[in-house]
Each structure stands twice: as structure tokens, then as C-alpha cells.
Amino acid sequence: MTEAAELPEAPEQARKVFGEYFPEAVRYAELLADAGVKRGLIGPREVPRLWERHLLNCAVLSEVVPEGVTVCDVGSGAGLPGIPLALVRPDLKITLLEPLLRRINFLQEVVELLGLDHVTVVRGRAEEMLGKLPQVHVVTARAVAPLDRLAGWGVPLLRPYGEMLLLKGDTAQEELDAARAALSKLGVVETSVHHVGEGIVDPMSTVVRVEVGESPGGVRFAAKRAKAARTSKTRRRR
């Protein structure tokens, strides 16, 4: 039986990034290294690099998130990037959206233990949430699927003129170029690639920004959104 990897001490950059919420960040790292590994949410080999590769890598996403907006973290898994983002940005209202029960249980425990009152945990698949969740300003995700598929899930959850902020790897630009036709059909009007976390993470985190116009999801989702709105009104009358 392989001995569990030990969580390294938090780097100095973590104190700088998480500020007054640094103790909560440490507690979250401990939970990931313990319960997160035992429940199969992260691999044991990730424990030695939890801070640099996971917590800090996700926390620096805050550099491109506007102030005071609503955020939905799609396919949140063990809470990445949603929970690090919540720790550095108490001004945000964040929904962690995840379909698997064991992950949902972990997320709920983390949110309660860390006292994250501005975070809500919702069980479900993004493609089933149209009309069930309020539209948000920002959708986040962390490399849970190819860009065109991610956009198909996340764009319909956005408010008009909202944006998806996706943590991607070295091939972000190539993936973006390959997905342009699919993104256009979803009502995307602007795309860009950003590098964040200078002086904090090395290499810097890569973020793909996908901005929509007045019709998130495009023509394809217009009828679905209208139907969802009618259904919601009917339920309220009852």
C-alpha cells in the first residue's frame, strides 16, 4: 500500500493571494489532501503540488473576474476553481454546479466548514439547468472538456453580454481557433486568451475569455429559453 503524500507547507505567495482568508485556504488544502484523495476527487500524486498547480492556479483567475458579479462554476468537481475564487473574492456570488453526489457532498462540507456564505452548491448538469438557475454574469470552468463542448454547456447559463472564463492549458489558442464556428453559433461575439498570476504561479495560468452578445446560446437556445421562462411563470402562478 502506497503511503499518502504529505501536503507541503503553503508558499509565501499563498499568504499574499488569500490575505485574511489564508487560514481558510490552508484548511481547504488539508481537506483536499485528506478527504479529497480518500474519496477519489483528486489523485494522490497531486497532493505535493496542490498549492501551485491547483489553489493558486485557480485563485489568480480573480484577476479577470469583474467586481460584484454572479458566477457559476460548471463541473466544479472538488471546487476548482470555484472555492479558491470564493476565498479571494467575497464580493462575488458563486454557484458550484456539479452532477456527481460524492463531489456534491464534499463541496457542501467545504462550504460549511469554511463559512462561505456567498457560495451555493447545486447538483445537476449544466445542460439541464436552463430555466432552473438564474442567468449569471460569468461562467467558469477548469479544463473539464474541449472548448466547443464547454461553451455548449456554459454559454446558455449566461446573462446577455456575459462571459465564460475558462482555465486552459498550453494549447488554449489552438483550441479556441478550432472552436470558432461552434462559438459563433452560440452567440459568442468576442474571444481572447489571457495569462494571469504573474509573480504568483509559474507558468502563469492561461484563461480563455468567451464573451456573448444579447442572445447567449444563439438561435439554438432562444426557443428553449422562452419555453423555460413560460414554464417558470406557470409554476409561480400555482
C-alpha atoms as a PDB file:
ATOM      1  CA  MET A   1       0.000   0.000   0.000  1.00  0.00           C
ATOM      2  CA  THR A   2       1.413   3.364  -1.086  1.00  0.00           C
ATOM      3  CA  GLU A   3       1.964   5.852   1.715  1.00  0.00           C
ATOM      4  CA  ALA A   4      -0.124   9.007   1.378  1.00  0.00           C
ATOM      5  CA  ALA A   5       1.773  12.025   0.078  1.00  0.00           C
ATOM      6  CA  GLU A   6       2.262  14.842   2.557  1.00  0.00           C
ATOM      7  CA  LEU A   7       0.806  18.281   1.907  1.00  0.00           C
ATOM      8  CA  PRO A   8       3.672  20.781   1.663  1.00  0.00           C
ATOM      9  CA  GLU A   9       3.684  23.987   3.659  1.00  0.00           C
ATOM     10  CA  ALA A  10       1.863  26.846   1.980  1.00  0.00           C
ATOM     11  CA  PRO A  11       4.175  29.039  -0.122  1.00  0.00           C
ATOM     12  CA  GLU A  12       4.573  32.724   0.689  1.00  0.00           C
ATOM     13  CA  GLN A  13       2.592  33.630  -2.425  1.00  0.00           C
ATOM     14  CA  ALA A  14      -0.460  31.972  -0.872  1.00  0.00           C
ATOM     15  CA  ARG A  15      -0.402  34.423   2.058  1.00  0.00           C
ATOM     16  CA  LYS A  16      -0.287  37.288  -0.424  1.00  0.00           C
ATOM     17  CA  VAL A  17      -3.088  35.972  -2.633  1.00  0.00           C
ATOM     18  CA  PHE A  18      -5.548  34.768   0.022  1.00  0.00           C
ATOM     19  CA  GLY A  19      -4.872  37.541   2.538  1.00  0.00           C
ATOM     20  CA  GLU A  20      -7.218  37.372   5.522  1.00  0.00           C
ATOM     21  CA  TYR A  21      -8.665  34.139   4.138  1.00  0.00           C
ATOM     22  CA  PHE A  22      -5.296  32.380   4.186  1.00  0.00           C
ATOM     23  CA  PRO A  23      -6.288  30.121   7.166  1.00  0.00           C
ATOM     24  CA  GLU A  24      -9.367  29.011   5.224  1.00  0.00           C
ATOM     25  CA  ALA A  25      -7.211  28.305   2.170  1.00  0.00           C
ATOM     26  CA  VAL A  26      -4.919  26.127   4.308  1.00  0.00           C
ATOM     27  CA  ARG A  27      -7.945  24.260   5.672  1.00  0.00           C
ATOM     28  CA  TYR A  28      -9.228  23.686   2.142  1.00  0.00           C
ATOM     29  CA  ALA A  29      -5.836  22.360   1.036  1.00  0.00           C
ATOM     30  CA  GLU A  30      -5.857  19.981   4.017  1.00  0.00           C
ATOM     31  CA  LEU A  31      -9.351  18.758   3.094  1.00  0.00           C
ATOM     32  CA  LEU A  32      -8.293  18.141  -0.498  1.00  0.00           C
ATOM     33  CA  ALA A  33      -5.174  16.270   0.623  1.00  0.00           C
ATOM     34  CA  ASP A  34      -7.163  14.087   3.015  1.00  0.00           C
ATOM     35  CA  ALA A  35     -10.859  13.584   2.194  1.00  0.00           C
ATOM     36  CA  GLY A  36     -10.355  14.689  -1.410  1.00  0.00           C
ATOM     37  CA  VAL A  37      -7.875  11.864  -2.031  1.00  0.00           C
ATOM     38  CA  LYS A  38      -9.771   9.256   0.000  1.00  0.00           C
ATOM     39  CA  ARG A  39     -12.980   9.953  -1.935  1.00  0.00           C
ATOM     40  CA  GLY A  40     -11.214   9.904  -5.305  1.00  0.00           C
ATOM     41  CA  LEU A  41     -11.764  13.599  -6.060  1.00  0.00           C
ATOM     42  CA  ILE A  42      -8.073  14.228  -6.709  1.00  0.00           C
ATOM     43  CA  GLY A  43      -5.188  11.838  -7.296  1.00  0.00           C
ATOM     44  CA  PRO A  44      -2.639  11.276  -4.503  1.00  0.00           C
ATOM     45  CA  ARG A  45       0.144  12.464  -6.829  1.00  0.00           C
ATOM     46  CA  GLU A  46      -1.479  15.902  -6.896  1.00  0.00           C
ATOM     47  CA  VAL A  47      -1.013  16.472  -3.152  1.00  0.00           C
ATOM     48  CA  PRO A  48       2.632  17.708  -3.311  1.00  0.00           C
ATOM     49  CA  ARG A  49       1.629  20.301  -5.911  1.00  0.00           C
ATOM     50  CA  LEU A  50      -1.770  21.277  -4.526  1.00  0.00           C
ATOM     51  CA  TRP A  51      -0.768  24.863  -3.825  1.00  0.00           C
ATOM     52  CA  GLU A  52       0.949  25.792  -7.081  1.00  0.00           C
ATOM     53  CA  ARG A  53      -0.994  23.664  -9.566  1.00  0.00           C
ATOM     54  CA  HIS A  54      -4.450  23.880  -8.024  1.00  0.00           C
ATOM     55  CA  LEU A  55      -5.206  26.507  -5.360  1.00  0.00           C
ATOM     56  CA  LEU A  56      -3.009  29.346  -6.613  1.00  0.00           C
ATOM     57  CA  ASN A  57      -3.512  28.434 -10.256  1.00  0.00           C
ATOM     58  CA  CYS A  58      -7.265  28.861  -9.714  1.00  0.00           C
ATOM     59  CA  ALA A  59      -7.166  31.825  -7.328  1.00  0.00           C
ATOM     60  CA  VAL A  60      -5.406  34.068  -9.863  1.00  0.00           C
ATOM     61  CA  LEU A  61      -8.452  33.736 -12.114  1.00  0.00           C
ATOM     62  CA  SER A  62      -9.803  36.550  -9.920  1.00  0.00           C
ATOM     63  CA  GLU A  63      -7.620  38.977 -11.886  1.00  0.00           C
ATOM     64  CA  VAL A  64     -10.056  38.857 -14.809  1.00  0.00           C
ATOM     65  CA  VAL A  65     -13.385  38.494 -12.951  1.00  0.00           C
ATOM     66  CA  PRO A  66     -15.357  41.767 -12.685  1.00  0.00           C
ATOM     67  CA  GLU A  67     -16.398  43.091  -9.266  1.00  0.00           C
ATOM     68  CA  GLY A  68     -19.651  42.094  -7.593  1.00  0.00           C
ATOM     69  CA  VAL A  69     -20.922  39.717 -10.265  1.00  0.00           C
ATOM     70  CA  THR A  70     -22.699  36.364 -10.158  1.00  0.00           C
ATOM     71  CA  VAL A  71     -20.612  33.330 -11.108  1.00  0.00           C
ATOM     72  CA  CYS A  72     -21.443  29.710 -11.954  1.00  0.00           C
ATOM     73  CA  ASP A  73     -18.565  27.224 -11.748  1.00  0.00           C
ATOM     74  CA  VAL A  74     -19.551  24.442 -14.160  1.00  0.00           C
ATOM     75  CA  GLY A  75     -18.342  20.918 -13.384  1.00  0.00           C
ATOM     76  CA  SER A  76     -16.888  22.165 -10.126  1.00  0.00           C
ATOM     77  CA  GLY A  77     -15.574  18.754  -9.053  1.00  0.00           C
ATOM     78  CA  ALA A  78     -13.583  19.251  -5.855  1.00  0.00           C
ATOM     79  CA  GLY A  79     -14.260  23.005  -6.013  1.00  0.00           C
ATOM     80  CA  LEU A  80     -11.688  24.131  -8.553  1.00  0.00           C
ATOM     81  CA  PRO A  81     -11.683  26.964  -9.493  1.00  0.00           C
ATOM     82  CA  GLY A  82     -14.827  27.974  -7.584  1.00  0.00           C
ATOM     83  CA  ILE A  83     -13.630  27.682  -3.989  1.00  0.00           C
ATOM     84  CA  PRO A  84     -10.221  29.392  -4.378  1.00  0.00           C
ATOM     85  CA  LEU A  85     -12.045  32.142  -6.287  1.00  0.00           C
ATOM     86  CA  ALA A  86     -14.585  32.449  -3.467  1.00  0.00           C
ATOM     87  CA  LEU A  87     -11.794  32.749  -0.883  1.00  0.00           C
ATOM     88  CA  VAL A  88     -10.127  35.673  -2.641  1.00  0.00           C
ATOM     89  CA  ARG A  89     -13.330  37.356  -3.823  1.00  0.00           C
ATOM     90  CA  PRO A  90     -16.035  37.634  -1.134  1.00  0.00           C
ATOM     91  CA  ASP A  91     -17.734  40.244  -3.354  1.00  0.00           C
ATOM     92  CA  LEU A  92     -18.877  37.504  -5.756  1.00  0.00           C
ATOM     93  CA  LYS A  93     -21.967  35.305  -5.514  1.00  0.00           C
ATOM     94  CA  ILE A  94     -20.816  31.881  -6.668  1.00  0.00           C
ATOM     95  CA  THR A  95     -22.750  28.734  -7.584  1.00  0.00           C
ATOM     96  CA  LEU A  96     -20.802  25.465  -7.664  1.00  0.00           C
ATOM     97  CA  LEU A  97     -22.571  23.252 -10.213  1.00  0.00           C
ATOM     98  CA  GLU A  98     -21.680  19.564 -10.155  1.00  0.00           C
ATOM     99  CA  PRO A  99     -23.670  16.426 -11.135  1.00  0.00           C
ATOM    100  CA  LEU A 100     -21.959  13.731  -9.012  1.00  0.00           C
ATOM    101  CA  LEU A 101     -23.265  13.141  -5.499  1.00  0.00           C
ATOM    102  CA  ARG A 102     -19.924  12.296  -3.843  1.00  0.00           C
ATOM    103  CA  ARG A 103     -18.488  15.559  -5.127  1.00  0.00           C
ATOM    104  CA  ILE A 104     -21.583  17.499  -4.086  1.00  0.00           C
ATOM    105  CA  ASN A 105     -21.273  16.099  -0.549  1.00  0.00           C
ATOM    106  CA  PHE A 106     -17.633  17.185  -0.387  1.00  0.00           C
ATOM    107  CA  LEU A 107     -18.416  20.666  -1.725  1.00  0.00           C
ATOM    108  CA  GLN A 108     -21.210  21.186   0.790  1.00  0.00           C
ATOM    109  CA  GLU A 109     -18.930  20.121   3.641  1.00  0.00           C
ATOM    110  CA  VAL A 110     -16.185  22.501   2.473  1.00  0.00           C
ATOM    111  CA  VAL A 111     -18.560  25.444   2.074  1.00  0.00           C
ATOM    112  CA  GLU A 112     -19.951  24.913   5.581  1.00  0.00           C
ATOM    113  CA  LEU A 113     -16.553  24.358   7.225  1.00  0.00           C
ATOM    114  CA  LEU A 114     -15.052  27.443   5.616  1.00  0.00           C
ATOM    115  CA  GLY A 115     -18.111  29.613   6.266  1.00  0.00           C
ATOM    116  CA  LEU A 116     -18.524  30.613   2.618  1.00  0.00           C
ATOM    117  CA  ASP A 117     -21.918  32.288   2.857  1.00  0.00           C
ATOM    118  CA  HIS A 118     -21.634  33.697  -0.662  1.00  0.00           C
ATOM    119  CA  VAL A 119     -21.329  30.215  -2.205  1.00  0.00           C
ATOM    120  CA  THR A 120     -24.215  27.904  -3.160  1.00  0.00           C
ATOM    121  CA  VAL A 121     -23.818  24.241  -4.120  1.00  0.00           C
ATOM    122  CA  VAL A 122     -26.198  22.860  -6.761  1.00  0.00           C
ATOM    123  CA  ARG A 123     -26.378  19.322  -8.061  1.00  0.00           C
ATOM    124  CA  GLY A 124     -27.029  18.979 -11.780  1.00  0.00           C
ATOM    125  CA  ARG A 125     -25.656  19.058 -15.288  1.00  0.00           C
ATOM    126  CA  ALA A 126     -25.187  22.419 -16.961  1.00  0.00           C
ATOM    127  CA  GLU A 127     -27.237  21.364 -19.985  1.00  0.00           C
ATOM    128  CA  GLU A 128     -30.218  20.681 -17.688  1.00  0.00           C
ATOM    129  CA  MET A 129     -30.075  23.998 -15.821  1.00  0.00           C
ATOM    130  CA  LEU A 130     -31.635  26.307 -18.424  1.00  0.00           C
ATOM    131  CA  GLY A 131     -34.566  27.990 -16.676  1.00  0.00           C
ATOM    132  CA  LYS A 132     -33.736  26.325 -13.357  1.00  0.00           C
ATOM    133  CA  LEU A 133     -30.853  28.611 -12.372  1.00  0.00           C
ATOM    134  CA  PRO A 134     -30.831  32.410 -12.675  1.00  0.00           C
ATOM    135  CA  GLN A 135     -28.647  33.567 -15.556  1.00  0.00           C
ATOM    136  CA  VAL A 136     -25.215  34.708 -14.379  1.00  0.00           C
ATOM    137  CA  HIS A 137     -22.644  37.294 -15.407  1.00  0.00           C
ATOM    138  CA  VAL A 138     -19.737  34.818 -15.510  1.00  0.00           C
ATOM    139  CA  VAL A 139     -19.362  31.072 -16.057  1.00  0.00           C
ATOM    140  CA  THR A 140     -16.092  29.467 -15.004  1.00  0.00           C
ATOM    141  CA  ALA A 141     -14.672  26.013 -15.643  1.00  0.00           C
ATOM    142  CA  ARG A 142     -11.335  24.300 -15.474  1.00  0.00           C
ATOM    143  CA  ALA A 143     -10.436  22.097 -18.444  1.00  0.00           C
ATOM    144  CA  VAL A 144     -13.309  19.692 -17.872  1.00  0.00           C
ATOM    145  CA  ALA A 145     -13.986  19.297 -21.616  1.00  0.00           C
ATOM    146  CA  PRO A 146     -12.989  20.620 -25.064  1.00  0.00           C
ATOM    147  CA  LEU A 147     -13.802  24.294 -25.569  1.00  0.00           C
ATOM    148  CA  ASP A 148     -16.686  23.854 -28.009  1.00  0.00           C
ATOM    149  CA  ARG A 149     -18.418  21.398 -25.682  1.00  0.00           C
ATOM    150  CA  LEU A 150     -17.762  23.588 -22.621  1.00  0.00           C
ATOM    151  CA  ALA A 151     -19.281  26.560 -24.401  1.00  0.00           C
ATOM    152  CA  GLY A 152     -22.332  24.499 -25.329  1.00  0.00           C
ATOM    153  CA  TRP A 153     -22.886  23.810 -21.642  1.00  0.00           C
ATOM    154  CA  GLY A 154     -21.931  27.181 -20.193  1.00  0.00           C
ATOM    155  CA  VAL A 155     -22.961  29.891 -22.657  1.00  0.00           C
ATOM    156  CA  PRO A 156     -26.737  29.285 -22.239  1.00  0.00           C
ATOM    157  CA  LEU A 157     -26.340  29.927 -18.483  1.00  0.00           C
ATOM    158  CA  LEU A 158     -25.068  33.454 -19.124  1.00  0.00           C
ATOM    159  CA  ARG A 159     -26.940  36.729 -18.988  1.00  0.00           C
ATOM    160  CA  PRO A 160     -26.851  38.858 -22.141  1.00  0.00           C
ATOM    161  CA  TYR A 161     -23.317  40.268 -22.570  1.00  0.00           C
ATOM    162  CA  GLY A 162     -21.932  37.811 -20.024  1.00  0.00           C
ATOM    163  CA  GLU A 163     -18.686  35.875 -20.366  1.00  0.00           C
ATOM    164  CA  MET A 164     -17.117  32.499 -19.818  1.00  0.00           C
ATOM    165  CA  LEU A 165     -13.666  32.437 -18.192  1.00  0.00           C
ATOM    166  CA  LEU A 166     -12.063  29.062 -18.756  1.00  0.00           C
ATOM    167  CA  LEU A 167      -8.772  27.847 -17.299  1.00  0.00           C
ATOM    168  CA  LYS A 168      -6.975  26.025 -20.090  1.00  0.00           C
ATOM    169  CA  GLY A 169      -3.521  24.673 -20.896  1.00  0.00           C
ATOM    170  CA  ASP A 170      -0.764  25.419 -23.405  1.00  0.00           C
ATOM    171  CA  THR A 171      -2.957  24.677 -26.436  1.00  0.00           C
ATOM    172  CA  ALA A 172      -5.614  27.253 -25.497  1.00  0.00           C
ATOM    173  CA  GLN A 173      -5.193  29.366 -28.634  1.00  0.00           C
ATOM    174  CA  GLU A 174      -5.290  26.356 -30.967  1.00  0.00           C
ATOM    175  CA  GLU A 175      -8.404  25.061 -29.196  1.00  0.00           C
ATOM    176  CA  LEU A 176     -10.015  28.479 -29.496  1.00  0.00           C
ATOM    177  CA  ASP A 177      -9.239  28.707 -33.208  1.00  0.00           C
ATOM    178  CA  ALA A 178     -10.717  25.248 -33.813  1.00  0.00           C
ATOM    179  CA  ALA A 179     -13.914  26.135 -31.930  1.00  0.00           C
ATOM    180  CA  ARG A 180     -14.686  29.494 -33.591  1.00  0.00           C
ATOM    181  CA  ALA A 181     -17.508  28.237 -35.822  1.00  0.00           C
ATOM    182  CA  ALA A 182     -19.244  26.475 -32.926  1.00  0.00           C
ATOM    183  CA  LEU A 183     -18.817  29.528 -30.688  1.00  0.00           C
ATOM    184  CA  SER A 184     -20.311  31.831 -33.300  1.00  0.00           C
ATOM    185  CA  LYS A 185     -23.458  29.666 -33.477  1.00  0.00           C
ATOM    186  CA  LEU A 186     -23.780  30.030 -29.699  1.00  0.00           C
ATOM    187  CA  GLY A 187     -23.945  33.807 -29.892  1.00  0.00           C
ATOM    188  CA  VAL A 188     -20.309  34.434 -28.972  1.00  0.00           C
ATOM    189  CA  VAL A 189     -19.134  37.840 -30.221  1.00  0.00           C
ATOM    190  CA  GLU A 190     -15.613  38.121 -28.802  1.00  0.00           C
ATOM    191  CA  THR A 191     -12.860  35.744 -27.696  1.00  0.00           C
ATOM    192  CA  SER A 192      -9.397  36.261 -26.220  1.00  0.00           C
ATOM    193  CA  VAL A 193      -6.616  34.479 -24.345  1.00  0.00           C
ATOM    194  CA  HIS A 194      -5.113  35.940 -21.167  1.00  0.00           C
ATOM    195  CA  HIS A 195      -2.228  34.961 -18.892  1.00  0.00           C
ATOM    196  CA  VAL A 196      -2.733  35.717 -15.201  1.00  0.00           C
ATOM    197  CA  GLY A 197      -0.813  35.220 -11.979  1.00  0.00           C
ATOM    198  CA  GLU A 198       2.468  36.915 -12.858  1.00  0.00           C
ATOM    199  CA  GLY A 199       4.848  36.571  -9.906  1.00  0.00           C
ATOM    200  CA  ILE A 200       2.498  34.101  -8.228  1.00  0.00           C
ATOM    201  CA  VAL A 201       2.396  30.989 -10.420  1.00  0.00           C
ATOM    202  CA  ASP A 202       4.998  29.791 -12.903  1.00  0.00           C
ATOM    203  CA  PRO A 203       3.987  29.196 -15.598  1.00  0.00           C
ATOM    204  CA  MET A 204       1.188  31.719 -15.437  1.00  0.00           C
ATOM    205  CA  SER A 205      -2.397  30.470 -15.661  1.00  0.00           C
ATOM    206  CA  THR A 206      -3.997  30.609 -19.109  1.00  0.00           C
ATOM    207  CA  VAL A 207      -7.569  31.893 -19.309  1.00  0.00           C
ATOM    208  CA  VAL A 208      -9.782  31.762 -22.385  1.00  0.00           C
ATOM    209  CA  ARG A 209     -12.400  34.527 -22.329  1.00  0.00           C
ATOM    210  CA  VAL A 210     -15.569  33.928 -24.353  1.00  0.00           C
ATOM    211  CA  GLU A 211     -17.967  36.889 -24.459  1.00  0.00           C
ATOM    212  CA  VAL A 212     -21.578  36.712 -25.665  1.00  0.00           C
ATOM    213  CA  GLY A 213     -23.918  39.297 -27.128  1.00  0.00           C
ATOM    214  CA  GLU A 214     -27.585  39.839 -26.380  1.00  0.00           C
ATOM    215  CA  SER A 215     -28.555  36.210 -27.133  1.00  0.00           C
ATOM    216  CA  PRO A 216     -26.471  33.749 -25.082  1.00  0.00           C
ATOM    217  CA  GLY A 217     -26.711  30.377 -26.799  1.00  0.00           C
ATOM    218  CA  GLY A 218     -27.743  31.964 -30.094  1.00  0.00           C
ATOM    219  CA  VAL A 219     -30.808  30.942 -32.097  1.00  0.00           C
ATOM    220  CA  ARG A 220     -30.377  27.365 -30.944  1.00  0.00           C
ATOM    221  CA  PHE A 221     -31.256  28.230 -27.346  1.00  0.00           C
ATOM    222  CA  ALA A 222     -33.686  31.129 -27.886  1.00  0.00           C
ATOM    223  CA  ALA A 223     -36.740  28.837 -28.103  1.00  0.00           C
ATOM    224  CA  LYS A 224     -35.553  26.729 -25.147  1.00  0.00           C
ATOM    225  CA  ARG A 225     -35.069  29.854 -23.027  1.00  0.00           C
ATOM    226  CA  ALA A 226     -38.523  31.186 -23.931  1.00  0.00           C
ATOM    227  CA  LYS A 227     -40.114  27.823 -23.087  1.00  0.00           C
ATOM    228  CA  ALA A 228     -38.222  27.690 -19.761  1.00  0.00           C
ATOM    229  CA  ALA A 229     -39.428  31.201 -18.909  1.00  0.00           C
ATOM    230  CA  ARG A 230     -43.065  30.256 -19.651  1.00  0.00           C
ATOM    231  CA  THR A 231     -42.768  27.107 -17.540  1.00  0.00           C
ATOM    232  CA  SER A 232     -41.294  29.113 -14.659  1.00  0.00           C
ATOM    233  CA  LYS A 233     -44.189  31.615 -14.778  1.00  0.00           C
ATOM    234  CA  THR A 234     -46.727  28.787 -14.779  1.00  0.00           C
ATOM    235  CA  ARG A 235     -45.115  27.235 -11.701  1.00  0.00           C
ATOM    236  CA  ARG A 236     -45.183  30.585  -9.867  1.00  0.00           C
ATOM    237  CA  ARG A 237     -48.907  31.055 -10.575  1.00  0.00           C
ATOM    238  CA  ARG A 238     -49.612  27.686  -8.992  1.00  0.00           C
END
